[in-house]
Structures are given as C-alpha cells and as structure tokens.
C-alpha cells in the first residue's frame, strides 16, 4: 500500500532531521542494496570452498587431528567451506552517503565537541536535548 503525500512528506522530514542530528547513525541504518558478486569474488569463494573440502576430507582420514571423538580438522574444514560459499554469494553494499564528506549536522559547520564530564546526569542531558529540538 503506497504512502499518501502527507505521509511521504513527514517521512522525508524525519529522514532529513535524522541526517541533521546524527549523519553517521543515519547512514548506517540506511544501509544500501547488495550488489551481485563479481567474478573474482566468486572464484575466491570457490577456492575457499575447495580448501575447506580438502580440510574436511583430510580431517576424517588423519586420526592424529582428532580431539577425542571429534575430528577437529574436519570441523574447521566445514567452517571454511561455509565461509567460502557465503563469500562467493554475497556482494558488497552500495548506496548511502560518504561519511568522510559529512563535516557536521546536515553537512554544515563542524559539530562542537562535547564536554562529557560537565553535562550532568544522563536524564538532564536528555531533557536538554528534548527542549532544544522543540525550541528550533
């Protein structure tokens, strides 16, 4: 169900306020879309899978790598295989603003450094922030 114009405007205002308040948090929440993995990434994941498979098989064959009744090298091989598949299937994230280019609130002046020791209690700082938001 699509949003109405009013709801879309309110959502845009909330998003811009969030970017103004804390751009680093906002961009981490926003995330992005996953790209398809490159051919190089798939080949590297396949190589990890093959190495893990070799560890798995050799761990079962070589009794010296067993810890009690647990084939430790085989368990490690399985973990490497699983990691190789995840690496081959997943792609890097794209989207979101570059955090290094954002200087402060809404890309404006740099944010003033906070004095952690002189701010009072947690509740008083939260009350001050709440008041400042509604005074604007």
N, C-alpha and C. Protein backbone atom coordinates (compact mmCIF):
# COMPACT_ATOMS: atom_id res chain seq x y z
N UNK A 1 0.84 -1.17 0.00
CA UNK A 1 0.00 0.00 0.00
C UNK A 1 0.89 1.24 0.00
N UNK A 2 0.77 2.10 -1.01
CA UNK A 2 1.63 3.29 -1.08
C UNK A 2 1.25 4.32 -0.02
N UNK A 3 2.24 5.15 0.31
CA UNK A 3 2.03 6.21 1.28
C UNK A 3 1.32 7.39 0.63
N UNK A 4 0.52 8.11 1.42
CA UNK A 4 -0.11 9.33 0.92
C UNK A 4 0.96 10.42 0.83
N UNK A 5 0.62 11.53 0.16
CA UNK A 5 1.58 12.63 0.02
C UNK A 5 1.98 13.17 1.38
N UNK A 6 1.04 13.31 2.28
CA UNK A 6 1.31 13.84 3.61
C UNK A 6 2.27 12.91 4.37
N UNK A 7 2.00 11.60 4.30
CA UNK A 7 2.87 10.65 4.98
C UNK A 7 4.27 10.63 4.38
N UNK A 8 4.36 10.77 3.06
CA UNK A 8 5.66 10.79 2.40
C UNK A 8 6.45 12.04 2.80
N UNK A 9 5.77 13.20 2.87
CA UNK A 9 6.44 14.44 3.31
C UNK A 9 6.93 14.29 4.74
N UNK A 10 6.09 13.72 5.62
CA UNK A 10 6.51 13.55 7.01
C UNK A 10 7.70 12.60 7.10
N UNK A 11 7.70 11.53 6.33
CA UNK A 11 8.81 10.60 6.32
C UNK A 11 10.09 11.28 5.83
N UNK A 12 9.98 12.11 4.81
CA UNK A 12 11.15 12.85 4.32
C UNK A 12 11.68 13.82 5.37
N UNK A 13 10.78 14.47 6.11
CA UNK A 13 11.20 15.38 7.16
C UNK A 13 11.92 14.63 8.28
N UNK A 14 11.39 13.48 8.65
CA UNK A 14 12.02 12.69 9.70
C UNK A 14 13.40 12.24 9.25
N UNK A 15 13.51 11.82 7.98
CA UNK A 15 14.81 11.38 7.46
C UNK A 15 15.82 12.52 7.45
N UNK A 16 15.40 13.69 7.00
CA UNK A 16 16.34 14.82 6.97
C UNK A 16 16.73 15.25 8.38
N UNK A 17 15.78 15.18 9.34
CA UNK A 17 16.11 15.51 10.73
C UNK A 17 17.09 14.50 11.31
N UNK A 18 16.93 13.25 10.94
CA UNK A 18 17.84 12.22 11.42
C UNK A 18 19.24 12.44 10.86
N UNK A 19 19.34 12.79 9.57
CA UNK A 19 20.65 13.08 9.00
C UNK A 19 21.27 14.32 9.64
N UNK A 20 20.44 15.31 9.97
CA UNK A 20 20.97 16.52 10.61
C UNK A 20 21.45 16.22 12.02
N UNK A 21 20.73 15.37 12.73
CA UNK A 21 21.08 15.06 14.12
C UNK A 21 22.31 14.17 14.22
N UNK A 22 22.33 13.08 13.45
CA UNK A 22 23.44 12.13 13.55
C UNK A 22 23.65 11.45 12.19
N UNK A 23 24.45 12.07 11.32
CA UNK A 23 24.61 11.52 9.97
C UNK A 23 25.26 10.16 9.93
N UNK A 24 26.15 9.88 10.87
CA UNK A 24 26.83 8.58 10.89
C UNK A 24 25.84 7.47 11.20
N UNK A 25 25.00 7.68 12.21
CA UNK A 25 23.99 6.68 12.56
C UNK A 25 22.98 6.52 11.43
N UNK A 26 22.55 7.64 10.85
CA UNK A 26 21.55 7.59 9.80
C UNK A 26 22.04 6.80 8.60
N UNK A 27 23.29 6.98 8.22
CA UNK A 27 23.79 6.25 7.07
C UNK A 27 23.99 4.77 7.39
N UNK A 28 24.32 4.46 8.64
CA UNK A 28 24.46 3.04 9.00
C UNK A 28 23.11 2.35 9.03
N UNK A 29 22.06 3.05 9.43
CA UNK A 29 20.72 2.47 9.44
C UNK A 29 20.21 2.33 8.02
N UNK A 30 20.50 3.30 7.21
CA UNK A 30 20.01 3.29 5.83
C UNK A 30 20.58 2.11 5.06
N UNK A 31 21.86 1.84 5.28
CA UNK A 31 22.49 0.69 4.61
C UNK A 31 22.58 0.91 3.12
N UNK A 32 22.03 0.04 2.36
CA UNK A 32 22.08 0.12 0.92
C UNK A 32 21.63 -1.21 0.35
N UNK A 33 21.79 -1.33 -0.93
CA UNK A 33 21.42 -2.58 -1.57
C UNK A 33 22.66 -3.41 -1.80
N UNK A 34 22.49 -4.70 -1.89
CA UNK A 34 23.62 -5.57 -2.14
C UNK A 34 23.82 -5.71 -3.64
N UNK A 35 25.05 -5.57 -4.06
CA UNK A 35 25.37 -5.78 -5.47
C UNK A 35 25.59 -7.26 -5.71
N UNK A 36 25.50 -7.64 -6.96
CA UNK A 36 25.82 -9.02 -7.33
C UNK A 36 27.32 -9.21 -7.17
N UNK A 37 27.74 -10.38 -6.71
CA UNK A 37 29.17 -10.61 -6.52
C UNK A 37 29.92 -10.63 -7.86
N UNK A 38 31.13 -10.13 -7.83
CA UNK A 38 31.95 -10.11 -9.05
C UNK A 38 32.49 -11.50 -9.34
N UNK A 39 33.00 -11.67 -10.54
CA UNK A 39 33.56 -12.97 -10.92
C UNK A 39 34.77 -13.30 -10.06
N UNK A 40 35.58 -12.30 -9.74
CA UNK A 40 36.75 -12.52 -8.89
C UNK A 40 36.34 -13.01 -7.51
N UNK A 41 35.29 -12.40 -6.96
CA UNK A 41 34.80 -12.79 -5.64
C UNK A 41 34.27 -14.22 -5.67
N UNK A 42 33.59 -14.59 -6.75
CA UNK A 42 33.08 -15.96 -6.87
C UNK A 42 34.22 -16.97 -6.95
N UNK A 43 35.26 -16.64 -7.69
CA UNK A 43 36.41 -17.54 -7.81
C UNK A 43 37.11 -17.70 -6.46
N UNK A 44 37.28 -16.59 -5.73
CA UNK A 44 37.89 -16.67 -4.41
C UNK A 44 37.04 -17.50 -3.46
N UNK A 45 35.72 -17.34 -3.51
CA UNK A 45 34.84 -18.14 -2.68
C UNK A 45 34.90 -19.62 -3.04
N UNK A 46 34.99 -19.91 -4.34
CA UNK A 46 35.11 -21.29 -4.78
C UNK A 46 36.44 -21.90 -4.29
N UNK A 47 37.51 -21.11 -4.34
CA UNK A 47 38.81 -21.59 -3.85
C UNK A 47 38.74 -21.89 -2.35
N UNK A 48 38.08 -21.03 -1.59
CA UNK A 48 37.90 -21.29 -0.16
C UNK A 48 37.09 -22.56 0.06
N UNK A 49 36.08 -22.76 -0.75
CA UNK A 49 35.25 -23.95 -0.64
C UNK A 49 36.09 -25.21 -0.87
N UNK A 50 36.92 -25.19 -1.91
CA UNK A 50 37.76 -26.35 -2.23
C UNK A 50 38.77 -26.61 -1.10
N UNK A 51 39.38 -25.55 -0.56
CA UNK A 51 40.31 -25.72 0.56
C UNK A 51 39.57 -26.31 1.76
N UNK A 52 38.37 -25.84 2.04
CA UNK A 52 37.58 -26.37 3.14
C UNK A 52 37.21 -27.83 2.92
N UNK A 53 36.88 -28.17 1.68
CA UNK A 53 36.56 -29.56 1.37
C UNK A 53 37.78 -30.46 1.58
N UNK A 54 38.95 -29.98 1.17
CA UNK A 54 40.18 -30.75 1.38
C UNK A 54 40.44 -30.92 2.87
N UNK A 55 40.24 -29.87 3.66
CA UNK A 55 40.41 -29.98 5.12
C UNK A 55 39.42 -30.97 5.72
N UNK A 56 38.18 -30.92 5.24
CA UNK A 56 37.15 -31.81 5.75
C UNK A 56 37.51 -33.27 5.51
N UNK A 57 37.91 -33.59 4.29
CA UNK A 57 38.24 -34.97 3.95
C UNK A 57 39.51 -35.42 4.67
N UNK A 58 40.53 -34.58 4.67
CA UNK A 58 41.77 -34.98 5.34
C UNK A 58 41.60 -35.09 6.85
N UNK A 59 40.71 -34.30 7.42
CA UNK A 59 40.46 -34.40 8.85
C UNK A 59 39.82 -35.71 9.24
N UNK A 60 39.00 -36.28 8.36
CA UNK A 60 38.39 -37.57 8.63
C UNK A 60 39.42 -38.68 8.45
N UNK A 61 40.32 -38.53 7.47
CA UNK A 61 41.30 -39.58 7.18
C UNK A 61 42.44 -39.63 8.18
N UNK A 62 42.87 -38.48 8.69
CA UNK A 62 44.03 -38.42 9.57
C UNK A 62 43.55 -38.44 11.02
N UNK A 63 43.76 -39.54 11.68
CA UNK A 63 43.29 -39.69 13.06
C UNK A 63 44.05 -38.82 14.06
N UNK A 64 45.23 -38.34 13.70
CA UNK A 64 46.02 -37.51 14.61
C UNK A 64 45.37 -36.15 14.84
N UNK A 65 44.48 -35.72 13.94
CA UNK A 65 43.84 -34.42 14.09
C UNK A 65 42.55 -34.50 14.90
N UNK A 66 42.23 -35.69 15.41
CA UNK A 66 41.01 -35.84 16.18
C UNK A 66 41.25 -35.45 17.64
N UNK A 67 40.28 -34.81 18.23
CA UNK A 67 40.32 -34.48 19.65
C UNK A 67 39.21 -35.32 20.29
N UNK A 68 39.59 -36.38 20.93
CA UNK A 68 38.61 -37.31 21.47
C UNK A 68 37.89 -38.00 20.32
N UNK A 69 36.60 -37.86 20.26
CA UNK A 69 35.80 -38.42 19.16
C UNK A 69 35.44 -37.37 18.12
N UNK A 70 36.02 -36.19 18.20
CA UNK A 70 35.68 -35.08 17.31
C UNK A 70 36.80 -34.84 16.29
N UNK A 71 36.49 -34.94 15.02
CA UNK A 71 37.50 -34.65 14.01
C UNK A 71 37.66 -33.12 13.86
N UNK A 72 38.56 -32.53 14.62
CA UNK A 72 38.70 -31.07 14.70
C UNK A 72 39.03 -30.44 13.35
N UNK A 73 39.91 -31.07 12.58
CA UNK A 73 40.28 -30.53 11.27
C UNK A 73 39.08 -30.55 10.32
N UNK A 74 38.24 -31.54 10.44
CA UNK A 74 37.04 -31.61 9.60
C UNK A 74 36.05 -30.50 9.95
N UNK A 75 35.93 -30.22 11.24
CA UNK A 75 35.05 -29.12 11.66
C UNK A 75 35.57 -27.80 11.11
N UNK A 76 36.88 -27.59 11.20
CA UNK A 76 37.48 -26.39 10.63
C UNK A 76 37.24 -26.34 9.13
N UNK A 77 37.37 -27.47 8.46
CA UNK A 77 37.12 -27.53 7.02
C UNK A 77 35.70 -27.16 6.67
N UNK A 78 34.75 -27.62 7.46
CA UNK A 78 33.35 -27.27 7.21
C UNK A 78 33.13 -25.77 7.37
N UNK A 79 33.73 -25.19 8.40
CA UNK A 79 33.59 -23.74 8.62
C UNK A 79 34.20 -22.97 7.46
N UNK A 80 35.34 -23.40 6.96
CA UNK A 80 35.97 -22.74 5.81
C UNK A 80 35.10 -22.89 4.57
N UNK A 81 34.52 -24.06 4.37
CA UNK A 81 33.62 -24.27 3.24
C UNK A 81 32.41 -23.34 3.31
N UNK A 82 31.83 -23.27 4.48
CA UNK A 82 30.66 -22.40 4.67
C UNK A 82 31.03 -20.94 4.41
N UNK A 83 32.17 -20.52 4.95
CA UNK A 83 32.63 -19.14 4.72
C UNK A 83 32.89 -18.87 3.25
N UNK A 84 33.43 -19.85 2.53
CA UNK A 84 33.67 -19.68 1.10
C UNK A 84 32.39 -19.49 0.32
N UNK A 85 31.36 -20.26 0.67
CA UNK A 85 30.08 -20.11 -0.02
C UNK A 85 29.46 -18.75 0.28
N UNK A 86 29.49 -18.35 1.54
CA UNK A 86 28.94 -17.03 1.90
C UNK A 86 29.70 -15.92 1.19
N UNK A 87 31.02 -16.04 1.14
CA UNK A 87 31.84 -15.03 0.47
C UNK A 87 31.53 -14.97 -1.02
N UNK A 88 31.33 -16.13 -1.65
CA UNK A 88 31.07 -16.17 -3.08
C UNK A 88 29.69 -15.65 -3.44
N UNK A 89 28.72 -15.85 -2.57
CA UNK A 89 27.35 -15.47 -2.88
C UNK A 89 27.06 -14.01 -2.55
N UNK A 90 27.68 -13.49 -1.51
CA UNK A 90 27.38 -12.13 -1.08
C UNK A 90 28.19 -11.12 -1.88
N UNK A 91 27.62 -9.95 -2.02
CA UNK A 91 28.30 -8.85 -2.68
C UNK A 91 28.50 -7.71 -1.71
N UNK A 92 29.19 -6.69 -2.14
CA UNK A 92 29.40 -5.52 -1.29
C UNK A 92 28.16 -4.64 -1.32
N UNK A 93 28.01 -3.85 -0.26
CA UNK A 93 26.89 -2.91 -0.20
C UNK A 93 27.20 -1.68 -1.02
N UNK A 94 26.14 -1.11 -1.57
CA UNK A 94 26.30 0.16 -2.28
C UNK A 94 25.21 1.10 -1.79
N UNK A 95 25.43 2.39 -2.01
CA UNK A 95 24.44 3.36 -1.59
C UNK A 95 24.84 4.03 -0.30
N UNK A 96 24.08 5.04 0.08
CA UNK A 96 24.36 5.77 1.30
C UNK A 96 25.41 6.83 1.05
N UNK A 97 25.39 7.91 1.81
CA UNK A 97 26.35 8.98 1.61
C UNK A 97 27.74 8.60 2.11
N UNK A 98 28.72 9.29 1.62
CA UNK A 98 30.09 9.07 2.06
C UNK A 98 30.27 9.78 3.40
N UNK A 99 30.59 9.03 4.45
CA UNK A 99 30.68 9.61 5.78
C UNK A 99 31.84 10.59 5.91
N UNK A 100 32.89 10.41 5.15
CA UNK A 100 34.04 11.28 5.27
C UNK A 100 33.76 12.68 4.73
N UNK A 101 32.76 12.80 3.85
CA UNK A 101 32.46 14.10 3.28
C UNK A 101 31.51 14.91 4.15
N UNK A 102 30.91 14.30 5.16
CA UNK A 102 29.97 15.00 6.03
C UNK A 102 30.75 15.57 7.20
N UNK A 103 30.75 16.89 7.31
CA UNK A 103 31.52 17.56 8.37
C UNK A 103 30.77 17.65 9.68
N UNK A 104 29.51 17.87 9.62
CA UNK A 104 28.73 18.06 10.84
C UNK A 104 27.27 17.89 10.53
N UNK A 105 26.40 18.54 11.30
CA UNK A 105 24.97 18.41 11.07
C UNK A 105 24.59 18.91 9.68
N UNK A 106 23.94 18.08 8.91
CA UNK A 106 23.46 18.40 7.56
C UNK A 106 24.58 18.90 6.67
N UNK A 107 25.80 18.47 6.88
CA UNK A 107 26.93 18.87 6.05
C UNK A 107 27.37 20.29 6.28
N UNK A 108 26.90 20.95 7.33
CA UNK A 108 27.23 22.35 7.60
C UNK A 108 28.50 22.48 8.39
N UNK A 109 28.45 23.36 9.38
CA UNK A 109 29.63 23.62 10.21
C UNK A 109 29.97 22.39 11.04
N UNK A 110 31.22 22.23 11.40
CA UNK A 110 31.59 21.07 12.22
C UNK A 110 30.89 21.10 13.56
N UNK A 111 30.59 19.94 14.05
CA UNK A 111 29.88 19.80 15.32
C UNK A 111 30.82 20.17 16.47
N UNK A 112 30.30 20.89 17.45
CA UNK A 112 31.11 21.28 18.60
C UNK A 112 31.42 20.05 19.44
N UNK A 113 32.61 20.03 20.02
CA UNK A 113 32.98 18.90 20.86
C UNK A 113 32.21 18.97 22.17
N UNK A 114 31.80 17.80 22.63
CA UNK A 114 31.01 17.72 23.85
C UNK A 114 31.92 17.53 25.04
N UNK A 115 31.61 18.21 26.12
CA UNK A 115 32.32 18.00 27.37
C UNK A 115 31.57 16.93 28.14
N UNK A 116 32.12 15.74 28.19
CA UNK A 116 31.43 14.62 28.80
C UNK A 116 31.31 14.78 30.32
N UNK A 117 32.28 15.40 30.95
CA UNK A 117 32.27 15.47 32.40
C UNK A 117 31.36 16.53 32.96
N UNK A 118 31.01 17.57 32.20
CA UNK A 118 30.24 18.68 32.73
C UNK A 118 28.80 18.67 32.29
N UNK A 119 28.31 17.59 31.70
CA UNK A 119 26.96 17.56 31.17
C UNK A 119 25.89 17.23 32.18
N UNK A 120 26.24 16.86 33.38
CA UNK A 120 25.25 16.48 34.36
C UNK A 120 24.87 15.03 34.18
N UNK A 121 23.71 14.69 34.72
CA UNK A 121 23.27 13.30 34.64
C UNK A 121 22.71 13.00 33.25
N UNK A 122 22.53 11.74 32.98
CA UNK A 122 22.00 11.31 31.70
C UNK A 122 20.61 11.89 31.44
N UNK A 123 19.76 11.86 32.45
CA UNK A 123 18.39 12.36 32.26
C UNK A 123 18.38 13.85 32.01
N UNK A 124 19.25 14.61 32.66
CA UNK A 124 19.26 16.06 32.42
C UNK A 124 19.76 16.37 31.01
N UNK A 125 20.73 15.61 30.52
CA UNK A 125 21.19 15.82 29.14
C UNK A 125 20.09 15.50 28.14
N UNK A 126 19.34 14.42 28.40
CA UNK A 126 18.24 14.07 27.51
C UNK A 126 17.15 15.13 27.53
N UNK A 127 16.85 15.68 28.71
CA UNK A 127 15.85 16.74 28.80
C UNK A 127 16.31 17.99 28.05
N UNK A 128 17.60 18.32 28.15
CA UNK A 128 18.12 19.48 27.42
C UNK A 128 18.01 19.26 25.91
N UNK A 129 18.33 18.08 25.44
CA UNK A 129 18.22 17.78 24.01
C UNK A 129 16.78 17.87 23.55
N UNK A 130 15.87 17.36 24.37
CA UNK A 130 14.45 17.40 24.04
C UNK A 130 13.98 18.84 23.93
N UNK A 131 14.37 19.70 24.86
CA UNK A 131 13.97 21.10 24.83
C UNK A 131 14.53 21.83 23.61
N UNK A 132 15.81 21.55 23.29
CA UNK A 132 16.44 22.19 22.12
C UNK A 132 15.74 21.82 20.82
N UNK A 133 15.26 20.61 20.71
CA UNK A 133 14.56 20.19 19.49
C UNK A 133 13.29 20.98 19.27
N UNK A 134 12.56 21.22 20.35
CA UNK A 134 11.30 21.90 20.20
C UNK A 134 11.44 23.42 20.21
N UNK A 135 12.60 23.94 20.59
CA UNK A 135 12.83 25.38 20.54
C UNK A 135 13.18 25.85 19.14
N UNK A 136 13.59 24.94 18.28
CA UNK A 136 14.00 25.30 16.92
C UNK A 136 12.86 25.65 16.04
